[in-house]
Amino acid sequence: MTDINCTRGPVGQETEAFLAAETHKLLLDGQWVESASGETFETCDPATGEVIGHVARGDIADIDVAVSAARNAFEAGPWHAMTPMERSQLLWRIADIMETNIDELAELESLDQGKALYVGRWAEIPGAINQFRYFAGMATKIEGSTIPTSINYQPEGKEVFAYTQKVPVGVVGAIVPWNSPLVLTAMKLAPALAAGCTIVLKPSEDTSLTAIRLLQLMQEAGLPNGVVNLVTGYGNEAGAALAAHRDVDKITFTGSTATGRKILEASKGNLKRVTLELGGKSPVIIMPDADLSAAIPGAANAIFFNGGQVCIAGSRLYAHRTIYDEVVEGVAETAAQMKLGHGLDPATQMGPLVSAKHAAKVADHVSESKNDGASIICGGEIFGVNQSFVSPTVVANAKSDSPIVQEEVFGPVLVVTPYDDFDEMVTFANHSPYGLAAGIWTEGLSSATRLASRIKAGTVWINSHAMYDASLPIGGVKQSGFGRDSGQVALENYLDLKTVCAIV
């Protein structure tokens, strides 16, 4: 695995033209401007460490301007007067222009985040496009209802007419992580725009490029000024200022549980509404009747896809003791055969992690587990010119309360554990502070349905893992957060319910 190809391959002319910009600026009230401080920060190709761009470093002053622009766009102007059908048409145009530029977006995502090209080109970016198309359809389906009240003390000869309206919540602060930047951004922007909200978007400082390019494309699609404002910068500067801003009505955040707690604390000032999609330590359960020809590669893909940098990654594998050795051998063989390399190399199955710093953190988790008595079946090593690759790792014999089992590693690290009976397996699966997702592999309908109801998770997949669609709600329980992205329910995140009671 030391012979991995870290060399950056060729990209298209559109990608080269975007990267040629001297500074990638902020979008405030429809204008691309430098940050108030004039400062920038570097963004790097994680495979090589090469600087591929300089990005404006926004802070509280820029957040103030962005929120003011969003508030003005919400209260007046063309967005305020736009009909649901017009919003729907805009969202569909955004999807179309993203599809036209999908190769460029995929290249930028691989360069900035490190992911294998196929992950962005064939999975995540089509998913982002479908978010806009799905919510284009939802924009015209926002309805209230009439209510037959039992009020009987109205003036004589008068009647009571009562109804509800669903109205946009207002200015939304959207804070997006670095692991799947474009699709997670779309999961925030599409429903918020369908609802009629305006937005201040803060992407991760590690992966800002596709957010910048997306906003350029959205302007080409006809996005009115001020409706979506983009402030790039560091989380403890721009992100914290956005979460605490008293003229922001709602925060939607995807990221770590630790940062989610900070978001909640910062949001208390004006009691803004908050949706949090946080960390996970998702169990994958292989029952003795499972089709192992599907379950073994499925379990491997659940953890090694995107280098394990996925909130719903299947990082805890529980296999029945009668098949445990076969499962572990199969997953370890898959891990050993994976092709690591630069994300732009078409042969790459797994790219680097997002940074050398994060790779070192993941490797530390593995070495600490070994010190704690666990066995490293394979992997756990750091490679590459930038020391940003971590070989796919399988860990066995870990204690159930050890950090490698209980903490989110967010890398290509799988912990394997045998179980003996149904109740023990349920106990293992639920023994976690997280509850984001789970996967079950079985040929038994009864076992699948019983187990799905007992696992404490926001999503349960049966004979699959990470099957996404814009129509399927995603979110967690326990310390994996609250609220849901995607699906009809996501629209409710951005709507308030107003009751109107009239004497007529």
Foldseek 3Di string as FASTA:
>chain_A
DQPFALDDDDADPVLVVLLPDQELAWAFQNDGDAEPVNDWDFAFQFQARHTSHTYHAHFLVVLVRLLVLQQVCLVDDDLVVDALLRLLQLLLLLLVLCVVCQRSLLSLLCRLFVWASCCRNPPQSVQLSQLSNVLSVVLVVFDKAWDDDPDDPDPPPWDKTKIKGKAFQEEEEEEEESLRGRNSVSLPPRLNSSRSYAYEYEYALSRCSSVSVSVVSSVVSPDGGSRYIYRYHHCVGHVLSNLQDQSHQEYEYEEALVVVVSSVVSNVPNVHHYFYQHAAAAAEEEEPAFPLVLSLVQLLCLCCRSQNQDRNRNAEYEYAPVCQVVSVVSSVVVLVPAREYRSHPNRHRYTFGSHLVLLVQLLVLVVVQVVVPKDKPDWSAFHHNRSRHTRQTEIEPGDLPDCSNAPRSSGNYHYYDYDHDDVVVLVSRQPYQWAFEYEYGHPDPVSVVVSVVSHQHPYYHYSHHPPDHLQDWGHTDGSSTDDTGGHPRNSSSGIDMDMDMDID
